[in-house]
């Protein structure tokens, strides 16, 4: 039993550490390259709305998890438009607060599901884009930096980053559709 607990603790630690390491090791040459860097390791990419959030207690050696159901509006990879998909995330990822809320619209880049059926956003929070009215992106400061890291564009002091349509360096990624167009265009 002690060996199992040690293995479980190590596995859970890796689930936390590896995504943060990947986030730090993504050198970029442009915003479009940034999206490709998020898309490459993703097993599931879609935009949609959060339908349901449930906590599942730990059982039979599995850690506690959060089950989140999404109604897929636009599928890019690993799902179909119109379907409801469910993902499971390690519950401890929610320790800082709610990661999603019912009704919220998002664009997600998710790693493929692991052996336990769990997944998480690619590069941590960088792989979760919150969508506002008219599908405008509501970027976090980290996402702004990620998308514009090599273009030399930095926020103008006092300028609001939400929504981003006024940001010159991010103008090509004003909406969800602008962000995923290169991915759709690249599909065979």
N, C-alpha and C. Protein backbone atom coordinates (compact mmCIF):
# COMPACT_ATOMS: atom_id res chain seq x y z
N UNK A 1 0.82 -1.18 0.00
CA UNK A 1 0.00 0.00 0.00
C UNK A 1 0.87 1.26 0.00
N UNK A 2 1.97 1.22 0.75
CA UNK A 2 2.87 2.37 0.82
C UNK A 2 3.50 2.62 -0.56
N UNK A 3 3.83 1.54 -1.27
CA UNK A 3 4.41 1.70 -2.61
C UNK A 3 3.41 2.35 -3.56
N UNK A 4 2.16 1.91 -3.45
CA UNK A 4 1.12 2.48 -4.30
C UNK A 4 0.95 3.97 -4.01
N UNK A 5 0.93 4.34 -2.75
CA UNK A 5 0.79 5.76 -2.39
C UNK A 5 1.97 6.57 -2.92
N UNK A 6 3.17 6.03 -2.82
CA UNK A 6 4.34 6.72 -3.34
C UNK A 6 4.24 6.88 -4.86
N UNK A 7 3.81 5.82 -5.55
CA UNK A 7 3.63 5.89 -6.99
C UNK A 7 2.57 6.92 -7.36
N UNK A 8 1.45 6.90 -6.64
CA UNK A 8 0.36 7.83 -6.91
C UNK A 8 0.82 9.27 -6.67
N UNK A 9 1.53 9.51 -5.58
CA UNK A 9 2.03 10.85 -5.29
C UNK A 9 2.98 11.33 -6.39
N UNK A 10 3.87 10.45 -6.82
CA UNK A 10 4.81 10.81 -7.88
C UNK A 10 4.08 11.10 -9.19
N UNK A 11 3.09 10.28 -9.51
CA UNK A 11 2.33 10.48 -10.74
C UNK A 11 1.59 11.81 -10.72
N UNK A 12 0.98 12.12 -9.60
CA UNK A 12 0.23 13.38 -9.49
C UNK A 12 1.16 14.57 -9.58
N UNK A 13 2.34 14.45 -8.98
CA UNK A 13 3.32 15.53 -9.07
C UNK A 13 3.73 15.77 -10.52
N UNK A 14 3.92 14.69 -11.27
CA UNK A 14 4.28 14.81 -12.68
C UNK A 14 3.18 15.49 -13.48
N UNK A 15 1.93 15.22 -13.14
CA UNK A 15 0.81 15.87 -13.83
C UNK A 15 0.85 17.37 -13.64
N UNK A 16 1.37 17.82 -12.52
CA UNK A 16 1.46 19.26 -12.24
C UNK A 16 2.70 19.85 -12.87
N UNK A 17 3.83 19.18 -12.74
CA UNK A 17 5.12 19.73 -13.15
C UNK A 17 5.29 19.72 -14.66
N UNK A 18 4.94 18.65 -15.35
CA UNK A 18 5.21 18.54 -16.78
C UNK A 18 4.51 19.64 -17.58
N UNK A 19 3.21 19.90 -17.37
CA UNK A 19 2.61 21.00 -18.14
C UNK A 19 3.29 22.34 -17.91
N UNK A 20 3.72 22.62 -16.69
CA UNK A 20 4.37 23.91 -16.45
C UNK A 20 5.73 23.96 -17.14
N UNK A 21 6.43 22.84 -17.21
CA UNK A 21 7.71 22.81 -17.92
C UNK A 21 7.49 23.03 -19.41
N UNK A 22 6.44 22.41 -19.96
CA UNK A 22 6.15 22.60 -21.37
C UNK A 22 5.83 24.06 -21.65
N UNK A 23 5.12 24.70 -20.76
CA UNK A 23 4.76 26.10 -20.96
C UNK A 23 6.00 26.97 -21.04
N UNK A 24 7.03 26.62 -20.29
CA UNK A 24 8.25 27.41 -20.27
C UNK A 24 9.16 27.10 -21.44
N UNK A 25 8.95 25.97 -22.11
CA UNK A 25 9.87 25.57 -23.16
C UNK A 25 9.28 25.73 -24.55
N UNK A 26 8.40 26.70 -24.74
CA UNK A 26 7.79 26.90 -26.04
C UNK A 26 8.32 28.18 -26.69
N UNK A 27 9.50 28.12 -27.32
CA UNK A 27 9.99 29.30 -27.99
C UNK A 27 9.12 29.61 -29.20
N UNK A 28 8.86 30.88 -29.45
CA UNK A 28 7.94 31.26 -30.51
C UNK A 28 8.59 32.21 -31.49
N UNK A 29 8.12 32.19 -32.73
CA UNK A 29 8.59 33.18 -33.68
C UNK A 29 7.46 34.10 -34.11
N UNK A 30 6.21 33.70 -33.91
CA UNK A 30 5.08 34.58 -34.21
C UNK A 30 3.85 34.04 -33.50
N UNK A 31 2.77 34.83 -33.49
CA UNK A 31 1.53 34.39 -32.87
C UNK A 31 1.00 33.13 -33.52
N UNK A 32 1.11 33.04 -34.85
CA UNK A 32 0.63 31.85 -35.55
C UNK A 32 1.44 30.62 -35.12
N UNK A 33 2.75 30.80 -34.98
CA UNK A 33 3.58 29.71 -34.49
C UNK A 33 3.18 29.31 -33.08
N UNK A 34 2.78 30.29 -32.28
CA UNK A 34 2.35 30.00 -30.91
C UNK A 34 1.15 29.07 -30.92
N UNK A 35 0.20 29.33 -31.80
CA UNK A 35 -0.99 28.49 -31.88
C UNK A 35 -0.61 27.09 -32.34
N UNK A 36 0.31 27.00 -33.28
CA UNK A 36 0.79 25.68 -33.73
C UNK A 36 1.47 24.94 -32.58
N UNK A 37 2.21 25.68 -31.73
CA UNK A 37 2.87 25.05 -30.58
C UNK A 37 1.84 24.52 -29.59
N UNK A 38 0.72 25.21 -29.43
CA UNK A 38 -0.35 24.71 -28.56
C UNK A 38 -1.06 23.52 -29.21
N UNK A 39 -1.24 23.58 -30.51
CA UNK A 39 -2.01 22.56 -31.21
C UNK A 39 -1.25 21.24 -31.36
N UNK A 40 0.05 21.32 -31.55
CA UNK A 40 0.84 20.11 -31.84
C UNK A 40 0.64 18.99 -30.80
N UNK A 41 0.76 19.25 -29.51
CA UNK A 41 0.58 18.16 -28.54
C UNK A 41 -0.88 17.91 -28.16
N UNK A 42 -1.79 18.72 -28.65
CA UNK A 42 -3.20 18.61 -28.25
C UNK A 42 -3.87 17.41 -28.91
N UNK A 43 -4.61 16.66 -28.13
CA UNK A 43 -5.41 15.56 -28.66
C UNK A 43 -6.83 15.99 -28.91
N UNK A 44 -7.26 17.06 -28.25
CA UNK A 44 -8.62 17.57 -28.38
C UNK A 44 -8.54 19.10 -28.48
N UNK A 45 -9.15 19.65 -29.54
CA UNK A 45 -9.22 21.11 -29.69
C UNK A 45 -10.65 21.43 -30.11
N UNK A 46 -11.29 22.33 -29.37
CA UNK A 46 -12.65 22.72 -29.72
C UNK A 46 -13.03 24.02 -29.02
N UNK A 47 -14.09 24.63 -29.52
CA UNK A 47 -14.71 25.74 -28.79
C UNK A 47 -16.11 25.27 -28.43
N UNK A 48 -16.56 25.75 -27.28
CA UNK A 48 -17.88 25.34 -26.83
C UNK A 48 -18.24 25.98 -25.51
N UNK A 49 -19.34 25.52 -24.95
CA UNK A 49 -19.85 26.08 -23.70
C UNK A 49 -19.85 25.02 -22.61
N UNK A 50 -19.54 25.43 -21.40
CA UNK A 50 -19.56 24.53 -20.25
C UNK A 50 -21.03 24.24 -19.92
N UNK A 51 -21.34 22.95 -19.85
CA UNK A 51 -22.70 22.53 -19.58
C UNK A 51 -22.87 22.11 -18.12
N UNK A 52 -21.86 21.39 -17.59
CA UNK A 52 -22.01 20.82 -16.25
C UNK A 52 -20.63 20.62 -15.64
N UNK A 53 -20.55 20.80 -14.32
CA UNK A 53 -19.31 20.57 -13.57
C UNK A 53 -19.67 19.73 -12.36
N UNK A 54 -18.97 18.61 -12.16
CA UNK A 54 -19.23 17.73 -11.02
C UNK A 54 -17.91 17.27 -10.42
N UNK A 55 -17.88 17.13 -9.11
CA UNK A 55 -16.70 16.59 -8.42
C UNK A 55 -16.92 15.10 -8.19
N UNK A 56 -15.90 14.31 -8.51
CA UNK A 56 -15.94 12.88 -8.26
C UNK A 56 -14.93 12.56 -7.17
N UNK A 57 -15.37 11.94 -6.09
CA UNK A 57 -14.44 11.62 -4.99
C UNK A 57 -13.43 10.55 -5.42
N UNK A 58 -12.33 10.50 -4.69
CA UNK A 58 -11.31 9.49 -4.93
C UNK A 58 -11.90 8.11 -4.63
N UNK A 59 -11.55 7.13 -5.45
CA UNK A 59 -12.02 5.76 -5.21
C UNK A 59 -11.11 4.77 -5.91
N UNK A 60 -10.97 3.63 -5.36
CA UNK A 60 -10.19 2.53 -5.93
C UNK A 60 -8.84 2.97 -6.47
N UNK A 61 -8.12 3.76 -5.70
CA UNK A 61 -6.79 4.18 -6.11
C UNK A 61 -6.75 5.33 -7.09
N UNK A 62 -7.90 5.80 -7.54
CA UNK A 62 -7.94 6.94 -8.45
C UNK A 62 -8.06 8.22 -7.62
N UNK A 63 -7.36 9.27 -8.04
CA UNK A 63 -7.47 10.54 -7.29
C UNK A 63 -8.83 11.19 -7.53
N UNK A 64 -9.20 12.08 -6.65
CA UNK A 64 -10.44 12.84 -6.85
C UNK A 64 -10.31 13.63 -8.15
N UNK A 65 -11.42 13.77 -8.85
CA UNK A 65 -11.39 14.49 -10.12
C UNK A 65 -12.60 15.39 -10.27
N UNK A 66 -12.49 16.27 -11.23
CA UNK A 66 -13.60 17.13 -11.62
C UNK A 66 -14.01 16.69 -13.01
N UNK A 67 -15.29 16.46 -13.20
CA UNK A 67 -15.83 16.11 -14.52
C UNK A 67 -16.52 17.35 -15.07
N UNK A 68 -16.11 17.74 -16.26
CA UNK A 68 -16.67 18.92 -16.89
C UNK A 68 -17.24 18.50 -18.23
N UNK A 69 -18.50 18.85 -18.46
CA UNK A 69 -19.16 18.55 -19.74
C UNK A 69 -19.24 19.83 -20.55
N UNK A 70 -18.91 19.72 -21.84
CA UNK A 70 -18.95 20.85 -22.77
C UNK A 70 -19.84 20.50 -23.95
N UNK A 71 -20.60 21.48 -24.42
CA UNK A 71 -21.33 21.35 -25.68
C UNK A 71 -20.39 21.91 -26.74
N UNK A 72 -19.95 21.07 -27.67
CA UNK A 72 -18.98 21.46 -28.69
C UNK A 72 -19.68 22.27 -29.77
N UNK A 73 -19.22 23.50 -29.97
CA UNK A 73 -19.77 24.35 -31.02
C UNK A 73 -18.95 24.23 -32.30
N UNK A 74 -17.62 24.25 -32.16
CA UNK A 74 -16.74 24.06 -33.30
C UNK A 74 -15.63 23.09 -32.93
N UNK A 75 -15.56 22.01 -33.69
CA UNK A 75 -14.56 20.97 -33.43
C UNK A 75 -13.39 21.15 -34.38
N UNK A 76 -12.18 21.06 -33.84
CA UNK A 76 -10.98 21.12 -34.66
C UNK A 76 -10.30 19.75 -34.65
N UNK A 77 -10.23 19.12 -33.47
CA UNK A 77 -9.55 17.82 -33.36
C UNK A 77 -10.12 17.04 -32.19
N UNK A 78 -10.35 15.74 -32.39
CA UNK A 78 -10.69 14.84 -31.30
C UNK A 78 -12.12 14.84 -30.82
N UNK A 79 -13.01 15.55 -31.51
CA UNK A 79 -14.43 15.57 -31.14
C UNK A 79 -15.22 16.06 -32.34
N UNK A 80 -16.55 16.09 -32.20
CA UNK A 80 -17.42 16.51 -33.29
C UNK A 80 -18.32 17.66 -32.87
N UNK A 81 -18.55 18.58 -33.78
CA UNK A 81 -19.44 19.71 -33.51
C UNK A 81 -20.83 19.18 -33.16
N UNK A 82 -21.44 19.80 -32.17
CA UNK A 82 -22.79 19.43 -31.77
C UNK A 82 -22.85 18.40 -30.66
N UNK A 83 -21.77 17.69 -30.43
CA UNK A 83 -21.79 16.68 -29.38
C UNK A 83 -21.46 17.29 -28.02
N UNK A 84 -21.79 16.56 -26.98
CA UNK A 84 -21.40 16.94 -25.63
C UNK A 84 -20.27 16.01 -25.23
N UNK A 85 -19.13 16.59 -24.88
CA UNK A 85 -18.02 15.75 -24.43
C UNK A 85 -17.75 16.05 -22.97
N UNK A 86 -17.21 15.05 -22.31
CA UNK A 86 -16.87 15.18 -20.89
C UNK A 86 -15.37 14.98 -20.74
N UNK A 87 -14.78 15.83 -19.95
CA UNK A 87 -13.36 15.64 -19.63
C UNK A 87 -13.24 15.49 -18.12
N UNK A 88 -12.17 14.86 -17.69
CA UNK A 88 -11.88 14.73 -16.27
C UNK A 88 -10.54 15.40 -16.01
N UNK A 89 -10.49 16.24 -14.97
CA UNK A 89 -9.26 16.89 -14.54
C UNK A 89 -9.01 16.53 -13.09
N UNK A 90 -7.75 16.46 -12.72
CA UNK A 90 -7.37 16.20 -11.34
C UNK A 90 -7.96 17.32 -10.49
N UNK A 91 -8.67 16.98 -9.43
CA UNK A 91 -9.38 17.95 -8.59
C UNK A 91 -8.45 18.99 -7.99
N UNK A 92 -7.20 18.63 -7.72
CA UNK A 92 -6.27 19.59 -7.11
C UNK A 92 -5.96 20.77 -8.02
N UNK A 93 -6.18 20.62 -9.34
CA UNK A 93 -5.99 21.75 -10.25
C UNK A 93 -6.99 22.87 -9.94
N UNK A 94 -8.05 22.53 -9.23
CA UNK A 94 -9.10 23.49 -8.90
C UNK A 94 -8.86 24.14 -7.54
N UNK A 95 -7.74 23.85 -6.89
CA UNK A 95 -7.46 24.37 -5.54
C UNK A 95 -7.40 25.89 -5.53
N UNK A 96 -6.95 26.52 -6.62
CA UNK A 96 -6.87 27.98 -6.68
C UNK A 96 -8.22 28.64 -6.94
N UNK A 97 -9.21 27.85 -7.28
CA UNK A 97 -10.53 28.38 -7.59
C UNK A 97 -11.11 27.68 -8.80
N UNK A 98 -12.31 28.07 -9.16
CA UNK A 98 -12.98 27.44 -10.29
C UNK A 98 -12.23 27.71 -11.58
N UNK A 99 -12.02 26.66 -12.35
CA UNK A 99 -11.35 26.79 -13.64
C UNK A 99 -12.35 27.09 -14.75
N UNK A 100 -13.58 26.64 -14.57
CA UNK A 100 -14.66 26.89 -15.52
C UNK A 100 -15.92 27.17 -14.73
N UNK A 101 -16.92 27.74 -15.40
CA UNK A 101 -18.22 27.90 -14.77
C UNK A 101 -19.29 27.58 -15.80
N UNK A 102 -20.43 27.08 -15.35
CA UNK A 102 -21.51 26.70 -16.25
C UNK A 102 -21.91 27.89 -17.12
N UNK A 103 -22.08 27.63 -18.41
CA UNK A 103 -22.46 28.66 -19.36
C UNK A 103 -21.29 29.39 -20.01
N UNK A 104 -20.11 29.26 -19.42
CA UNK A 104 -18.92 29.94 -19.94
C UNK A 104 -18.55 29.37 -21.31
N UNK A 105 -18.16 30.25 -22.24
CA UNK A 105 -17.70 29.82 -23.56
C UNK A 105 -16.18 29.84 -23.58
N UNK A 106 -15.59 28.76 -24.10
CA UNK A 106 -14.14 28.62 -24.10
C UNK A 106 -13.66 28.00 -25.42
N UNK A 107 -12.39 28.23 -25.70
CA UNK A 107 -11.66 27.53 -26.75
C UNK A 107 -10.57 26.77 -26.01
N UNK A 108 -10.56 25.43 -26.15
CA UNK A 108 -9.62 24.60 -25.39
C UNK A 108 -8.67 23.82 -26.29
N UNK A 109 -7.41 23.79 -25.85
CA UNK A 109 -6.38 22.93 -26.43
C UNK A 109 -6.04 21.95 -25.31
N UNK A 110 -6.49 20.69 -25.43
CA UNK A 110 -6.31 19.71 -24.35
C UNK A 110 -5.34 18.61 -24.77
N UNK A 111 -4.50 18.19 -23.81
CA UNK A 111 -3.65 17.03 -24.05
C UNK A 111 -4.53 15.80 -24.29
N UNK A 112 -4.00 14.77 -24.97
CA UNK A 112 -4.77 13.52 -25.08
C UNK A 112 -5.03 12.97 -23.68
N UNK A 113 -6.11 12.24 -23.53
CA UNK A 113 -6.45 11.66 -22.23
C UNK A 113 -5.36 10.66 -21.83
N UNK A 114 -5.03 10.63 -20.52
CA UNK A 114 -4.03 9.68 -20.04
C UNK A 114 -4.72 8.34 -19.72
N UNK A 115 -3.96 7.39 -19.18
CA UNK A 115 -4.49 6.06 -18.89
C UNK A 115 -5.65 6.11 -17.90
N UNK A 116 -5.67 7.11 -17.03
CA UNK A 116 -6.76 7.26 -16.06
C UNK A 116 -7.95 8.01 -16.67
N UNK A 117 -7.84 8.40 -17.94
CA UNK A 117 -8.93 9.12 -18.60
C UNK A 117 -8.93 10.61 -18.35
N UNK A 118 -7.87 11.12 -17.71
CA UNK A 118 -7.81 12.55 -17.38
C UNK A 118 -7.05 13.32 -18.45
N UNK A 119 -7.33 14.60 -18.51
CA UNK A 119 -6.64 15.50 -19.43
C UNK A 119 -6.46 16.84 -18.74
N UNK A 120 -5.74 17.73 -19.39
CA UNK A 120 -5.57 19.10 -18.89
C UNK A 120 -5.22 19.97 -20.08
N UNK A 121 -5.39 21.28 -19.95
CA UNK A 121 -5.04 22.17 -21.05
C UNK A 121 -3.54 22.13 -21.37
N UNK A 122 -3.23 22.21 -22.64
CA UNK A 122 -1.85 22.25 -23.09
C UNK A 122 -1.18 23.49 -22.50
N UNK A 123 0.02 23.31 -22.00
CA UNK A 123 0.82 24.40 -21.42
C UNK A 123 0.09 25.10 -20.28
N UNK A 124 -0.63 24.33 -19.49
CA UNK A 124 -1.34 24.90 -18.35
C UNK A 124 -2.45 25.83 -18.79
N UNK A 125 -2.56 26.98 -18.16
CA UNK A 125 -3.64 27.92 -18.47
C UNK A 125 -3.52 28.55 -19.85
N UNK A 126 -2.37 28.43 -20.51
CA UNK A 126 -2.22 28.99 -21.85
C UNK A 126 -3.15 28.31 -22.85
N UNK A 127 -3.52 27.06 -22.59
CA UNK A 127 -4.37 26.31 -23.50
C UNK A 127 -5.86 26.50 -23.29
N UNK A 128 -6.25 27.41 -22.42
CA UNK A 128 -7.67 27.71 -22.16
C UNK A 128 -7.94 29.16 -22.50
N UNK A 129 -8.71 29.41 -23.55
CA UNK A 129 -9.06 30.76 -23.97
C UNK A 129 -10.53 31.01 -23.64
N UNK A 130 -10.79 32.02 -22.83
CA UNK A 130 -12.16 32.40 -22.50
C UNK A 130 -12.68 33.28 -23.62
N UNK A 131 -13.92 33.03 -24.04
CA UNK A 131 -14.53 33.78 -25.12
C UNK A 131 -15.58 34.73 -24.58
N UNK A 132 -15.59 35.94 -25.09
CA UNK A 132 -16.57 36.94 -24.70
C UNK A 132 -17.64 37.09 -25.77
N UNK A 133 -18.38 38.19 -25.72
CA UNK A 133 -19.40 38.45 -26.75
C UNK A 133 -18.77 38.46 -28.14
N UNK A 134 -19.50 37.99 -29.13
CA UNK A 134 -19.03 37.87 -30.52
C UNK A 134 -17.76 37.05 -30.62
N UNK A 135 -17.55 36.14 -29.69
CA UNK A 135 -16.38 35.27 -29.67
C UNK A 135 -15.05 36.02 -29.57
N UNK A 136 -15.07 37.24 -29.01
CA UNK A 136 -13.82 37.96 -28.79
C UNK A 136 -13.01 37.22 -27.72
N UNK A 137 -11.72 37.14 -27.95
CA UNK A 137 -10.84 36.48 -26.98
C UNK A 137 -10.66 37.36 -25.76
N UNK A 138 -10.71 36.76 -24.60
CA UNK A 138 -10.41 37.47 -23.35
C UNK A 138 -9.10 36.87 -22.84
N UNK A 139 -8.02 37.47 -23.27
CA UNK A 139 -6.70 36.93 -22.98
C UNK A 139 -6.21 37.34 -21.60
N UNK A 140 -5.53 36.40 -20.96
CA UNK A 140 -4.83 36.71 -19.71
C UNK A 140 -3.52 37.39 -20.09
N UNK A 141 -2.88 38.06 -19.16
CA UNK A 141 -1.56 38.64 -19.47
C UNK A 141 -0.56 37.59 -19.96
N UNK A 142 -0.64 36.38 -19.41
CA UNK A 142 0.28 35.31 -19.84
C UNK A 142 0.00 34.92 -21.30
N UNK A 143 -1.27 34.84 -21.68
CA UNK A 143 -1.60 34.50 -23.06
C UNK A 143 -1.18 35.61 -24.02
N UNK A 144 -1.36 36.87 -23.61
CA UNK A 144 -0.90 37.99 -24.43
C UNK A 144 0.60 37.87 -24.67
N UNK A 145 1.33 37.63 -23.62
CA UNK A 145 2.77 37.51 -23.73
C UNK A 145 3.15 36.33 -24.61
N UNK A 146 2.47 35.22 -24.43
CA UNK A 146 2.72 34.01 -25.22
C UNK A 146 2.50 34.27 -26.70
N UNK A 147 1.40 34.91 -27.05
CA UNK A 147 1.08 35.15 -28.45
C UNK A 147 1.96 36.21 -29.10
N UNK A 148 2.48 37.13 -28.30
CA UNK A 148 3.27 38.22 -28.88
C UNK A 148 4.73 38.19 -28.46
N UNK A 149 5.20 37.09 -27.91
CA UNK A 149 6.52 37.04 -27.30
C UNK A 149 7.67 37.36 -28.26
N UNK A 150 7.57 37.00 -29.51
CA UNK A 150 8.67 37.26 -30.43
C UNK A 150 8.41 38.46 -31.34
N UNK A 151 7.19 38.98 -31.31
CA UNK A 151 6.90 40.08 -32.22
C UNK A 151 7.39 41.42 -31.68
N UNK A 152 7.82 41.44 -30.41
CA UNK A 152 8.30 42.67 -29.82
C UNK A 152 7.18 43.58 -29.34
N UNK A 153 5.94 43.14 -29.48
CA UNK A 153 4.80 43.95 -29.07
C UNK A 153 4.58 43.75 -27.58
N UNK A 154 4.48 44.82 -26.86
CA UNK A 154 4.21 44.77 -25.43
C UNK A 154 3.00 45.64 -25.15
N UNK A 155 2.26 45.32 -24.11
CA UNK A 155 1.09 46.15 -23.79
C UNK A 155 1.48 47.60 -23.54
N UNK A 156 0.64 48.50 -23.99
CA UNK A 156 0.83 49.92 -23.73
C UNK A 156 0.33 50.19 -22.32
N UNK A 157 1.12 50.85 -21.47
CA UNK A 157 0.67 51.10 -20.09
C UNK A 157 -0.72 51.75 -20.08
N UNK A 158 -1.61 51.20 -19.26
CA UNK A 158 -2.95 51.73 -19.13
C UNK A 158 -3.93 51.21 -20.16
N UNK A 159 -3.47 50.46 -21.18
CA UNK A 159 -4.37 49.93 -22.19
C UNK A 159 -4.99 48.65 -21.68
N UNK A 160 -6.28 48.51 -21.85
CA UNK A 160 -6.99 47.32 -21.40
C UNK A 160 -6.74 46.17 -22.37
N UNK A 161 -6.36 45.00 -21.86
CA UNK A 161 -6.15 43.86 -22.74
C UNK A 161 -7.44 43.11 -23.07
N UNK A 162 -8.58 43.51 -22.53
CA UNK A 162 -9.84 42.78 -22.72
C UNK A 162 -10.91 43.69 -23.28
N UNK A 163 -11.47 43.42 -24.45
CA UNK A 163 -11.02 42.47 -25.45
C UNK A 163 -9.79 42.99 -26.19
N UNK A 164 -9.22 42.15 -27.04
CA UNK A 164 -7.92 42.47 -27.60
C UNK A 164 -7.96 43.13 -28.96
N UNK A 165 -9.11 43.45 -29.51
CA UNK A 165 -9.14 43.95 -30.88
C UNK A 165 -8.35 45.24 -31.08
N UNK A 166 -8.12 46.00 -30.03
CA UNK A 166 -7.35 47.24 -30.17
C UNK A 166 -5.85 47.02 -30.12
N UNK A 167 -5.41 45.83 -29.73
CA UNK A 167 -3.98 45.55 -29.60
C UNK A 167 -3.37 45.27 -30.97
N UNK A 168 -2.49 46.11 -31.44
CA UNK A 168 -1.90 45.97 -32.76
C UNK A 168 -1.21 44.62 -32.95
N UNK A 169 -0.43 44.18 -31.98
CA UNK A 169 0.31 42.93 -32.12
C UNK A 169 -0.56 41.70 -32.10
N UNK A 170 -1.79 41.82 -31.61
CA UNK A 170 -2.68 40.67 -31.53
C UNK A 170 -3.88 40.82 -32.45
N UNK A 171 -3.86 41.80 -33.31
CA UNK A 171 -5.01 42.07 -34.16
C UNK A 171 -5.44 40.83 -34.96
N UNK A 172 -4.49 40.02 -35.38
CA UNK A 172 -4.85 38.84 -36.16
C UNK A 172 -5.51 37.76 -35.30
N UNK A 173 -5.51 37.92 -34.00
CA UNK A 173 -6.15 36.95 -33.11
C UNK A 173 -7.23 37.62 -32.28
N UNK A 174 -8.05 38.40 -32.93
CA UNK A 174 -9.09 39.13 -32.23
C UNK A 174 -10.21 38.19 -31.75
N UNK A 175 -10.58 37.24 -32.58
CA UNK A 175 -11.69 36.35 -32.23
C UNK A 175 -11.23 34.91 -32.23
N UNK A 176 -12.10 34.06 -31.73
CA UNK A 176 -11.85 32.62 -31.74
C UNK A 176 -11.61 32.14 -33.15
N UNK A 177 -12.41 32.60 -34.11
CA UNK A 177 -12.26 32.15 -35.49
C UNK A 177 -10.92 32.55 -36.07
N UNK A 178 -10.46 33.76 -35.75
CA UNK A 178 -9.14 34.20 -36.22
C UNK A 178 -8.03 33.32 -35.65
N UNK A 179 -8.21 32.90 -34.42
CA UNK A 179 -7.19 32.11 -33.74
C UNK A 179 -7.07 30.71 -34.32
N UNK A 180 -8.20 30.08 -34.63
CA UNK A 180 -8.13 28.68 -35.09
C UNK A 180 -8.16 28.53 -36.61
N UNK A 181 -8.33 29.63 -37.35
CA UNK A 181 -8.34 29.55 -38.83
C UNK A 181 -7.10 28.83 -39.36
N UNK A 182 -5.87 29.16 -38.87
CA UNK A 182 -4.70 28.45 -39.39
C UNK A 182 -4.78 26.93 -39.15
N UNK A 183 -5.41 26.52 -38.07
CA UNK A 183 -5.53 25.09 -37.78
C UNK A 183 -6.52 24.43 -38.73
N UNK A 184 -7.64 25.11 -38.99
CA UNK A 184 -8.64 24.57 -39.93
C UNK A 184 -8.07 24.52 -41.33
N UNK A 185 -7.36 25.58 -41.74
CA UNK A 185 -6.80 25.65 -43.08
C UNK A 185 -5.73 24.57 -43.30
N UNK A 186 -5.07 24.16 -42.24
CA UNK A 186 -4.00 23.16 -42.35
C UNK A 186 -4.52 21.74 -42.42
N UNK A 187 -5.80 21.53 -42.09
CA UNK A 187 -6.36 20.18 -42.11
C UNK A 187 -6.44 19.66 -43.53
N UNK A 188 -6.18 18.34 -43.71
CA UNK A 188 -6.25 17.76 -45.08
C UNK A 188 -7.67 17.73 -45.59
